[in-house]
């Protein structure tokens, strides 16, 4: 993958979910970015489209994650997929 994971997530947040770029770069949670459950579900779909990584049913607990925390979650899921 040519872009690092954090950049991909930031691009999805800014381009697809219309989050302010300055806010997406900060250490705020997805809930602080005013993403509701529908927006988080869309984010999960876009992550799968962009990275091929399935985050499963973790959507309900994702609101408390920062962008960096989300990147860690995706990286962990990628690691599980590689070993499966």
N, C-alpha and C. Protein backbone atom coordinates (compact mmCIF):
# COMPACT_ATOMS: atom_id res chain seq x y z
N UNK A 1 0.83 -1.16 0.00
CA UNK A 1 0.00 0.00 0.00
C UNK A 1 0.89 1.24 0.00
N UNK A 2 0.63 2.14 -0.90
CA UNK A 2 1.52 3.28 -1.05
C UNK A 2 1.32 4.33 0.05
N UNK A 3 0.11 4.51 0.52
CA UNK A 3 -0.14 5.47 1.59
C UNK A 3 -0.09 4.76 2.93
N UNK A 4 0.37 5.45 3.95
CA UNK A 4 0.32 4.81 5.25
C UNK A 4 -1.12 4.84 5.76
N UNK A 5 -1.39 3.99 6.71
CA UNK A 5 -2.74 3.78 7.20
C UNK A 5 -3.36 5.06 7.78
N UNK A 6 -2.61 5.81 8.50
CA UNK A 6 -3.12 7.05 9.09
C UNK A 6 -3.57 8.01 7.99
N UNK A 7 -2.80 8.11 6.93
CA UNK A 7 -3.16 9.00 5.82
C UNK A 7 -4.42 8.52 5.12
N UNK A 8 -4.58 7.22 4.97
CA UNK A 8 -5.78 6.67 4.34
C UNK A 8 -7.00 7.00 5.19
N UNK A 9 -6.89 6.79 6.49
CA UNK A 9 -8.02 7.06 7.38
C UNK A 9 -8.38 8.54 7.38
N UNK A 10 -7.37 9.39 7.42
CA UNK A 10 -7.61 10.83 7.40
C UNK A 10 -8.29 11.23 6.10
N UNK A 11 -7.83 10.67 4.99
CA UNK A 11 -8.43 10.99 3.69
C UNK A 11 -9.90 10.56 3.66
N UNK A 12 -10.21 9.38 4.17
CA UNK A 12 -11.60 8.91 4.21
C UNK A 12 -12.44 9.86 5.06
N UNK A 13 -11.93 10.22 6.23
CA UNK A 13 -12.68 11.11 7.11
C UNK A 13 -12.94 12.46 6.46
N UNK A 14 -11.93 13.02 5.82
CA UNK A 14 -12.06 14.35 5.23
C UNK A 14 -12.86 14.31 3.94
N UNK A 15 -12.51 13.42 3.03
CA UNK A 15 -13.14 13.41 1.71
C UNK A 15 -14.54 12.81 1.71
N UNK A 16 -14.72 11.71 2.43
CA UNK A 16 -15.99 11.00 2.38
C UNK A 16 -16.96 11.41 3.49
N UNK A 17 -16.43 11.69 4.67
CA UNK A 17 -17.30 11.99 5.80
C UNK A 17 -17.31 13.48 6.17
N UNK A 18 -16.61 14.29 5.38
CA UNK A 18 -16.61 15.74 5.49
C UNK A 18 -16.18 16.26 6.87
N UNK A 19 -15.20 15.58 7.46
CA UNK A 19 -14.62 16.03 8.72
C UNK A 19 -13.57 17.09 8.39
N UNK A 20 -13.48 18.13 9.18
CA UNK A 20 -12.47 19.16 8.99
C UNK A 20 -11.08 18.53 9.11
N UNK A 21 -10.21 18.82 8.17
CA UNK A 21 -8.88 18.21 8.13
C UNK A 21 -8.08 18.49 9.40
N UNK A 22 -8.18 19.68 9.94
CA UNK A 22 -7.46 20.01 11.16
C UNK A 22 -7.94 19.18 12.34
N UNK A 23 -9.23 18.94 12.41
CA UNK A 23 -9.77 18.12 13.48
C UNK A 23 -9.37 16.66 13.33
N UNK A 24 -9.38 16.15 12.10
CA UNK A 24 -9.04 14.75 11.86
C UNK A 24 -7.59 14.47 12.21
N UNK A 25 -6.75 15.47 12.12
CA UNK A 25 -5.34 15.29 12.42
C UNK A 25 -5.07 15.35 13.92
N UNK A 26 -6.02 15.87 14.67
CA UNK A 26 -5.83 16.02 16.10
C UNK A 26 -6.05 14.72 16.86
N UNK A 27 -5.95 14.85 18.17
CA UNK A 27 -6.10 13.69 19.05
C UNK A 27 -7.51 13.67 19.63
N UNK A 28 -8.51 13.72 18.75
CA UNK A 28 -9.90 13.70 19.17
C UNK A 28 -10.53 12.37 18.78
N UNK A 29 -11.59 12.01 19.48
CA UNK A 29 -12.25 10.74 19.19
C UNK A 29 -13.19 10.89 18.00
N UNK A 30 -13.62 9.77 17.47
CA UNK A 30 -14.58 9.80 16.37
C UNK A 30 -15.88 10.46 16.83
N UNK A 31 -16.26 10.23 18.07
CA UNK A 31 -17.45 10.89 18.61
C UNK A 31 -17.25 12.39 18.67
N UNK A 32 -16.05 12.83 19.08
CA UNK A 32 -15.75 14.26 19.12
C UNK A 32 -15.81 14.88 17.72
N UNK A 33 -15.57 14.07 16.71
CA UNK A 33 -15.67 14.54 15.32
C UNK A 33 -17.11 14.56 14.84
N UNK A 34 -18.03 14.25 15.77
CA UNK A 34 -19.46 14.24 15.52
C UNK A 34 -19.87 13.16 14.51
N UNK A 35 -19.18 12.03 14.55
CA UNK A 35 -19.58 10.89 13.72
C UNK A 35 -20.57 10.05 14.51
N UNK A 36 -21.76 9.92 13.97
CA UNK A 36 -22.76 9.08 14.62
C UNK A 36 -22.58 7.63 14.17
N UNK A 37 -23.46 6.76 14.63
CA UNK A 37 -23.30 5.33 14.33
C UNK A 37 -23.38 5.05 12.83
N UNK A 38 -24.19 5.79 12.11
CA UNK A 38 -24.28 5.60 10.66
C UNK A 38 -22.99 6.03 9.97
N UNK A 39 -22.42 7.14 10.39
CA UNK A 39 -21.15 7.61 9.82
C UNK A 39 -20.02 6.64 10.14
N UNK A 40 -20.03 6.08 11.34
CA UNK A 40 -19.00 5.11 11.71
C UNK A 40 -19.16 3.84 10.88
N UNK A 41 -20.40 3.43 10.63
CA UNK A 41 -20.63 2.27 9.77
C UNK A 41 -20.11 2.53 8.36
N UNK A 42 -20.35 3.73 7.85
CA UNK A 42 -19.82 4.11 6.53
C UNK A 42 -18.29 4.12 6.54
N UNK A 43 -17.71 4.60 7.62
CA UNK A 43 -16.26 4.60 7.76
C UNK A 43 -15.71 3.19 7.69
N UNK A 44 -16.36 2.25 8.37
CA UNK A 44 -15.92 0.85 8.36
C UNK A 44 -15.99 0.28 6.95
N UNK A 45 -17.05 0.61 6.22
CA UNK A 45 -17.18 0.14 4.83
C UNK A 45 -16.07 0.72 3.97
N UNK A 46 -15.80 2.01 4.11
CA UNK A 46 -14.75 2.66 3.31
C UNK A 46 -13.37 2.10 3.66
N UNK A 47 -13.14 1.79 4.94
CA UNK A 47 -11.87 1.19 5.33
C UNK A 47 -11.70 -0.15 4.63
N UNK A 48 -12.77 -0.94 4.59
CA UNK A 48 -12.68 -2.24 3.91
C UNK A 48 -12.43 -2.05 2.41
N UNK A 49 -13.08 -1.07 1.80
CA UNK A 49 -12.87 -0.82 0.37
C UNK A 49 -11.44 -0.38 0.09
N UNK A 50 -10.90 0.47 0.93
CA UNK A 50 -9.56 1.03 0.72
C UNK A 50 -8.43 0.07 1.10
N UNK A 51 -8.63 -0.70 2.16
CA UNK A 51 -7.53 -1.52 2.68
C UNK A 51 -7.77 -3.01 2.56
N UNK A 52 -9.01 -3.41 2.31
CA UNK A 52 -9.34 -4.82 2.28
C UNK A 52 -9.50 -5.42 3.67
N UNK A 53 -9.46 -4.59 4.69
CA UNK A 53 -9.51 -5.07 6.06
C UNK A 53 -10.93 -5.01 6.59
N UNK A 54 -11.40 -6.15 7.10
CA UNK A 54 -12.73 -6.24 7.68
C UNK A 54 -12.62 -6.05 9.19
N UNK A 55 -13.24 -5.01 9.69
CA UNK A 55 -13.19 -4.74 11.13
C UNK A 55 -14.28 -5.48 11.88
N UNK A 56 -15.09 -6.26 11.17
CA UNK A 56 -16.10 -7.06 11.82
C UNK A 56 -17.18 -6.20 12.45
N UNK A 57 -17.57 -6.59 13.62
CA UNK A 57 -18.68 -5.93 14.32
C UNK A 57 -18.19 -4.98 15.39
N UNK A 58 -17.00 -4.43 15.27
CA UNK A 58 -16.42 -3.55 16.28
C UNK A 58 -16.97 -2.13 16.23
N UNK A 59 -17.95 -1.86 15.38
CA UNK A 59 -18.43 -0.50 15.16
C UNK A 59 -18.97 0.16 16.43
N UNK A 60 -19.63 -0.61 17.27
CA UNK A 60 -20.28 -0.02 18.44
C UNK A 60 -19.29 0.60 19.42
N UNK A 61 -18.08 0.11 19.43
CA UNK A 61 -17.09 0.63 20.37
C UNK A 61 -16.08 1.59 19.73
N UNK A 62 -16.27 1.90 18.47
CA UNK A 62 -15.29 2.70 17.75
C UNK A 62 -15.38 4.19 18.04
N UNK A 63 -16.48 4.67 18.55
CA UNK A 63 -16.66 6.10 18.79
C UNK A 63 -15.63 6.70 19.73
N UNK A 64 -15.10 5.87 20.61
CA UNK A 64 -14.12 6.37 21.59
C UNK A 64 -12.70 6.37 21.06
N UNK A 65 -12.50 5.89 19.84
CA UNK A 65 -11.16 5.83 19.25
C UNK A 65 -10.76 7.16 18.63
N UNK A 66 -9.48 7.46 18.71
CA UNK A 66 -8.90 8.57 17.95
C UNK A 66 -8.53 8.03 16.58
N UNK A 67 -8.10 8.89 15.68
CA UNK A 67 -7.65 8.42 14.36
C UNK A 67 -6.46 7.47 14.53
N UNK A 68 -5.55 7.80 15.43
CA UNK A 68 -4.41 6.92 15.68
C UNK A 68 -4.86 5.59 16.26
N UNK A 69 -5.82 5.64 17.16
CA UNK A 69 -6.37 4.40 17.73
C UNK A 69 -7.06 3.56 16.69
N UNK A 70 -7.75 4.22 15.76
CA UNK A 70 -8.40 3.52 14.67
C UNK A 70 -7.36 2.88 13.76
N UNK A 71 -6.28 3.59 13.49
CA UNK A 71 -5.19 3.04 12.68
C UNK A 71 -4.61 1.80 13.35
N UNK A 72 -4.46 1.84 14.67
CA UNK A 72 -3.97 0.67 15.41
C UNK A 72 -4.94 -0.50 15.30
N UNK A 73 -6.25 -0.22 15.40
CA UNK A 73 -7.26 -1.26 15.27
C UNK A 73 -7.21 -1.91 13.89
N UNK A 74 -7.08 -1.09 12.85
CA UNK A 74 -7.00 -1.62 11.48
C UNK A 74 -5.73 -2.45 11.31
N UNK A 75 -4.62 -1.97 11.81
CA UNK A 75 -3.35 -2.71 11.72
C UNK A 75 -3.46 -4.05 12.43
N UNK A 76 -4.09 -4.07 13.59
CA UNK A 76 -4.28 -5.32 14.32
C UNK A 76 -5.15 -6.29 13.54
N UNK A 77 -6.23 -5.77 12.95
CA UNK A 77 -7.11 -6.60 12.13
C UNK A 77 -6.38 -7.14 10.91
N UNK A 78 -5.53 -6.33 10.31
CA UNK A 78 -4.74 -6.79 9.17
C UNK A 78 -3.81 -7.92 9.58
N UNK A 79 -3.22 -7.80 10.76
CA UNK A 79 -2.34 -8.84 11.27
C UNK A 79 -3.09 -10.15 11.50
N UNK A 80 -4.32 -10.06 12.03
CA UNK A 80 -5.14 -11.26 12.23
C UNK A 80 -5.46 -11.91 10.89
N UNK A 81 -5.78 -11.09 9.89
CA UNK A 81 -6.14 -11.62 8.58
C UNK A 81 -4.96 -12.32 7.92
N UNK A 82 -3.78 -11.80 8.14
CA UNK A 82 -2.58 -12.40 7.54
C UNK A 82 -2.26 -13.76 8.15
N UNK A 83 -2.57 -13.93 9.43
CA UNK A 83 -2.24 -15.18 10.12
C UNK A 83 -3.35 -16.20 10.02
N UNK A 84 -4.51 -15.77 9.53
CA UNK A 84 -5.66 -16.70 9.44
C UNK A 84 -5.57 -17.57 8.23
